[in-house]
Protein backbone atom coordinates (compact mmCIF):
# COMPACT_ATOMS: atom_id res chain seq x y z
CA MET A 1 21.58 -102.91 -40.98
CA ASP A 2 18.99 -101.16 -42.91
CA ARG A 3 21.08 -98.09 -43.57
CA ASN A 4 24.05 -100.17 -43.82
CA CYS A 5 26.10 -99.51 -40.87
CA HIS A 6 28.28 -102.58 -40.45
CA GLY A 7 29.96 -101.83 -36.99
CA LEU A 8 29.07 -99.97 -34.26
CA SER A 9 31.88 -97.32 -35.11
CA GLU A 10 29.68 -96.64 -38.72
CA LEU A 11 26.50 -94.77 -35.99
CA THR A 12 25.66 -91.48 -36.78
CA TYR A 13 23.67 -89.35 -34.73
CA GLU A 14 21.77 -88.99 -37.99
CA ASP A 15 21.31 -92.92 -37.99
CA ILE A 16 19.53 -92.55 -34.30
CA MET A 17 17.32 -89.75 -35.70
CA ALA A 18 15.71 -92.32 -38.44
CA PHE A 19 15.26 -95.21 -35.95
CA HIS A 20 13.19 -93.31 -34.22
CA ASN A 21 11.40 -90.82 -37.45
CA GLU A 22 11.33 -94.11 -39.24
CA ALA A 23 10.86 -97.02 -37.75
CA LEU A 24 9.57 -95.74 -33.75
CA THR A 25 6.68 -93.17 -34.95
CA ARG A 26 5.54 -96.67 -36.97
CA LEU A 27 4.15 -98.36 -33.55
CA CYS A 28 1.40 -97.77 -31.15
CA LYS A 29 2.17 -94.86 -28.59
CA ALA A 30 2.44 -97.56 -26.21
CA ASP A 31 5.22 -99.61 -28.14
CA PHE A 32 6.73 -95.97 -29.02
CA SER A 33 7.14 -95.61 -25.63
CA MET A 34 8.23 -98.60 -24.28
CA TYR A 35 10.62 -98.95 -27.88
CA LYS A 36 12.12 -95.77 -27.57
CA GLY A 37 12.95 -95.61 -23.59
CA SER A 38 14.45 -99.16 -24.29
CA VAL A 39 16.13 -98.57 -26.98
CA ALA A 40 17.31 -95.36 -25.38
CA SER A 41 18.85 -97.61 -22.05
CA PHE A 42 20.37 -99.98 -24.23
CA LEU A 43 22.64 -96.71 -26.03
CA SER A 44 23.62 -95.61 -22.82
CA TRP A 45 24.85 -98.73 -21.29
CA MET A 46 27.33 -98.59 -24.38
CA ALA A 47 28.59 -95.41 -24.14
CA LYS A 48 29.18 -95.89 -20.58
CA GLN A 49 31.50 -99.18 -22.46
CA GLN A 50 32.75 -96.69 -24.53
CA LEU A 51 31.40 -98.55 -27.51
CA CYS A 52 28.84 -95.03 -28.27
CA PRO A 53 29.01 -91.56 -28.03
CA VAL A 54 27.06 -90.64 -24.99
CA GLY A 55 24.61 -88.13 -27.35
CA PHE A 56 23.05 -90.74 -29.14
CA SER A 57 21.42 -91.93 -25.63
CA ILE A 58 20.49 -88.79 -24.88
CA LEU A 59 19.14 -87.90 -28.60
CA LEU A 60 16.88 -90.96 -27.89
CA SER A 61 15.68 -89.68 -24.83
CA LEU A 62 14.71 -86.27 -25.54
CA THR A 63 10.53 -85.94 -25.76
CA LYS A 64 10.59 -84.05 -29.24
CA MET A 65 13.21 -85.12 -30.92
CA GLU A 66 13.06 -82.05 -33.80
CA LYS A 67 14.68 -79.59 -30.96
CA ALA A 68 17.85 -81.17 -31.08
CA VAL A 69 19.46 -79.68 -34.92
CA MET A 70 22.13 -80.65 -37.53
CA LEU A 71 24.00 -77.13 -38.24
CA ASN A 72 22.67 -77.31 -41.80
CA ASP A 73 18.40 -77.02 -41.22
CA LEU A 74 19.09 -73.46 -39.27
CA PRO A 75 18.80 -70.43 -40.84
CA GLU A 76 22.11 -69.72 -43.34
CA ASP A 77 22.96 -66.14 -41.63
CA VAL A 78 22.70 -68.41 -38.34
CA ILE A 79 24.93 -70.91 -40.33
CA ASP A 80 27.52 -68.60 -41.73
CA GLU A 81 27.92 -66.99 -38.14
CA ILE A 82 28.65 -70.26 -36.54
CA LYS A 83 30.94 -71.45 -38.21
CA HIS A 84 32.33 -68.41 -38.72
CA ILE A 85 32.77 -68.38 -34.60
CA GLY A 86 34.05 -71.64 -35.08
CA SER A 87 37.29 -70.55 -37.16
CA GLN A 88 38.39 -68.05 -35.03
CA ASN A 89 37.75 -69.96 -31.82
CA GLY A 90 41.18 -71.45 -31.06
CA ASN A 91 40.64 -71.14 -26.98
CA ALA A 92 37.41 -73.25 -27.63
CA PHE A 93 36.71 -76.89 -26.37
CA PRO A 94 35.40 -80.08 -27.70
CA SER A 95 32.28 -81.63 -26.71
CA ASP A 96 33.22 -84.52 -24.34
CA ARG A 97 34.67 -82.45 -21.96
CA LEU A 98 31.91 -79.87 -22.15
CA TYR A 99 29.89 -83.20 -20.78
CA GLU A 100 32.29 -83.86 -17.95
CA ILE A 101 31.89 -79.58 -16.95
CA CYS A 102 28.20 -79.83 -17.07
CA LYS A 103 28.33 -82.30 -13.92
CA ASP A 104 30.17 -80.51 -12.37
CA PHE A 105 28.40 -77.30 -12.89
CA CYS A 106 25.21 -78.91 -12.06
CA GLY A 107 27.00 -80.37 -8.61
CA LYS A 108 27.65 -76.42 -7.91
CA LEU A 109 24.10 -75.46 -8.26
CA GLU A 110 22.92 -77.76 -5.66
CA GLN A 111 25.45 -76.98 -3.70
CA PHE A 112 23.90 -73.54 -3.64
CA GLY A 113 20.69 -74.78 -2.55
CA TYR A 114 19.45 -74.55 -5.98
CA ALA A 115 16.59 -77.35 -7.26
CA GLY A 116 13.32 -78.45 -8.20
CA THR A 117 12.72 -76.01 -11.55
CA MET A 118 16.22 -74.55 -12.06
CA MET A 119 17.50 -77.74 -11.65
CA ASN A 120 15.36 -79.69 -13.85
CA SER A 121 15.92 -76.57 -16.42
CA ALA A 122 20.16 -76.19 -15.63
CA ARG A 123 20.18 -79.81 -16.98
CA ALA A 124 18.16 -79.78 -19.64
CA THR A 125 19.42 -76.58 -21.08
CA LEU A 126 22.81 -77.58 -21.06
CA ARG A 127 21.93 -81.13 -23.20
CA MET A 128 20.80 -79.18 -25.53
CA VAL A 129 23.69 -76.73 -25.91
CA PHE A 130 25.88 -80.35 -25.55
CA LEU A 131 23.97 -82.27 -28.21
CA PHE A 132 23.57 -79.18 -30.95
CA LEU A 133 27.94 -79.06 -30.37
CA ASP A 134 28.51 -83.02 -30.85
CA MET A 135 26.13 -83.40 -33.46
CA ASN A 136 27.80 -81.64 -35.33
CA GLY A 137 31.75 -81.67 -34.34
CA LEU A 138 31.56 -78.28 -32.89
CA ARG A 139 33.42 -77.13 -29.68
CA TYR A 140 31.88 -75.07 -27.02
CA SER A 141 32.38 -70.85 -26.96
CA PRO A 142 30.38 -68.99 -25.02
CA ALA A 143 30.00 -67.48 -28.82
CA LEU A 144 29.09 -69.97 -30.66
CA VAL A 145 26.74 -70.89 -28.09
CA HIS A 146 24.88 -67.23 -28.12
CA ALA A 147 24.54 -67.73 -31.74
CA TRP A 148 23.21 -71.01 -30.72
CA PHE A 149 20.84 -69.70 -28.82
CA HIS A 150 19.77 -66.90 -30.69
CA ALA A 151 18.28 -69.27 -33.10
CA GLN A 152 16.78 -71.85 -30.75
CA GLY A 153 16.06 -70.69 -27.34
CA THR A 154 12.08 -70.01 -28.19
CA GLY A 155 11.81 -73.68 -30.18
CA CYS A 156 13.70 -75.45 -27.84
CA PHE A 157 12.94 -74.20 -23.63
CA GLY A 158 9.29 -72.16 -24.78
CA THR A 159 8.04 -70.75 -21.54
CA ASN A 160 11.92 -71.17 -19.94
CA GLU A 161 13.75 -69.18 -22.32
CA LYS A 162 15.01 -66.82 -19.80
CA MET A 163 15.60 -69.18 -17.79
CA SER A 164 17.44 -71.01 -20.04
CA ARG A 165 19.27 -67.80 -20.86
CA ARG A 166 20.27 -67.29 -17.67
CA VAL A 167 21.42 -70.61 -16.93
CA LEU A 168 24.23 -70.56 -20.07
CA SER A 169 25.60 -67.21 -18.51
CA LEU A 170 26.17 -68.39 -15.11
CA PHE A 171 27.45 -71.60 -17.12
CA GLU A 172 30.20 -68.79 -19.23
CA CYS A 173 31.17 -67.60 -15.60
CA PHE A 174 31.84 -71.34 -14.90
CA VAL A 175 33.56 -72.02 -17.23
CA GLU A 176 35.92 -69.33 -16.59
CA GLU A 177 36.11 -69.21 -13.05
CA GLY A 178 34.96 -72.25 -11.39
CA SER A 179 32.86 -70.81 -9.33
CA ILE A 180 29.22 -69.95 -9.07
CA HIS A 181 27.85 -66.12 -8.97
CA PRO A 182 24.06 -66.60 -8.13
CA GLU A 183 23.93 -62.67 -7.58
CA LYS A 184 24.92 -61.20 -10.37
CA THR A 185 22.61 -59.40 -13.45
CA PHE A 186 23.33 -59.98 -16.72
CA VAL A 187 22.70 -57.87 -19.61
CA TYR A 188 21.64 -59.52 -22.78
CA SER A 189 21.21 -58.66 -26.24
CA PRO A 190 17.52 -58.58 -27.42
CA LEU A 191 16.16 -60.18 -30.42
CA LEU A 192 15.80 -58.05 -33.84
CA SER A 193 12.30 -59.16 -33.27
CA ASP A 194 12.58 -57.34 -29.59
CA GLN A 195 12.81 -53.78 -31.04
CA LEU A 196 9.41 -54.27 -32.98
CA PRO A 197 6.04 -52.04 -31.99
CA GLU A 198 3.47 -54.35 -29.66
CA TRP A 199 0.99 -54.72 -32.79
CA CYS A 200 3.75 -56.48 -34.46
CA MET A 201 5.37 -58.21 -31.66
CA GLU A 202 1.51 -59.37 -30.98
CA ALA A 203 0.76 -61.25 -33.78
CA LEU A 204 3.83 -63.11 -34.13
CA THR A 205 3.80 -64.20 -30.67
CA GLN A 206 0.35 -66.29 -31.61
CA PHE A 207 2.00 -67.09 -35.18
CA LEU A 208 4.77 -68.40 -33.53
CA ASP A 209 2.69 -69.60 -31.03
CA GLN A 210 0.69 -71.24 -33.63
CA LYS A 211 3.61 -72.61 -34.75
CA GLN A 212 4.75 -74.76 -32.29
CA ARG A 213 1.50 -75.82 -31.03
CA GLU A 214 1.79 -77.70 -34.86
CA LYS A 215 4.90 -78.43 -33.62
CA LYS A 216 6.90 -77.32 -36.52
CA ALA A 217 10.72 -77.95 -35.64
CA ALA A 218 12.31 -74.88 -33.61
CA SER A 219 14.41 -74.34 -36.86
CA THR A 220 11.53 -73.94 -38.83
CA VAL A 221 10.43 -71.40 -35.77
CA CYS A 222 13.64 -69.85 -35.89
CA MET A 223 13.52 -69.55 -39.98
CA TYR A 224 9.70 -67.67 -39.67
CA ARG A 225 10.30 -65.21 -36.68
CA SER A 226 13.16 -64.02 -39.16
CA ALA A 227 11.51 -64.11 -42.42
CA VAL A 228 8.20 -62.19 -40.33
CA THR A 229 10.31 -59.71 -38.43
CA ARG A 230 11.41 -58.52 -41.78
CA PHE A 231 8.09 -58.13 -43.39
CA CYS A 232 7.22 -55.84 -40.11
CA MET A 233 10.08 -53.52 -39.85
CA PHE A 234 10.08 -53.07 -43.84
CA LEU A 235 6.18 -51.70 -43.13
CA VAL A 236 7.22 -50.41 -40.13
CA ASN A 237 9.62 -48.13 -42.74
CA GLU A 238 6.56 -47.34 -45.40
CA GLY A 239 4.69 -45.74 -41.69
CA VAL A 240 2.18 -48.62 -41.82
CA THR A 241 0.88 -48.42 -38.36
CA ALA A 242 -1.87 -51.76 -38.44
CA PHE A 243 -1.76 -54.83 -41.07
CA SER A 244 -5.29 -53.87 -42.50
CA GLN A 245 -3.03 -50.92 -43.74
CA ILE A 246 -0.90 -53.30 -46.07
CA ASP A 247 -2.76 -53.06 -49.79
CA ALA A 248 -0.75 -54.63 -52.96
CA GLY A 249 1.52 -51.92 -53.74
CA ILE A 250 3.07 -51.71 -50.24
CA LEU A 251 3.26 -56.31 -50.73
CA LYS A 252 5.02 -55.38 -54.49
CA ARG A 253 7.90 -52.59 -52.89
CA PHE A 254 8.92 -55.82 -49.99
CA ASN A 255 8.97 -58.21 -52.79
CA LEU A 256 11.04 -55.79 -54.63
């Protein structure tokens, strides 16, 4: 009612996020957990009655809601890339079909004997992919998911990033062929920051870890990585081999 919704059909992902950020966060820890879990269960029940998207319940069930982002919260270059991919992919399919395929995929993984950490990672990874697409009205395509993961992988999955990336590769094969190839080795395009020398990478990794501990949004962490990577590449091109060599002249040239 506070959001001027006059029916379930008017409810949006932004409303769910506002409920979490504006209403729930004012509660004590015990009440917060109780209300959040209860409303998530209510939304799940409503989704089964086809009264609201299943993503509403999934979103509210996230341990850290900031992992789910709207497209406009991402860096501009990522937004442009995703919009371009979306406009070019005529064979992409909608998020509701993706949701059903994800359930089939996880069932196949279990048939292959996967359990524990791998299954948890598969469900968590595909849940975040589905949420991103559904929240933003986007259709599934491997290229679009790759662009999203490139920007959000570390912020969403942390130390499980590599496992999540493998899940997405296995899922892409499953979508194309209807089968899973656990023996297959996948080759990934490295991040631009992976090309930095060790003295840059060490500081950048520690800095990003600190930002994640401060509970910065995944999109914010991505922005930090992009900006610092550009700065470090400039330093390397200037012949700098340690941060202690930075002086005012270098900073002026970087700014220009």
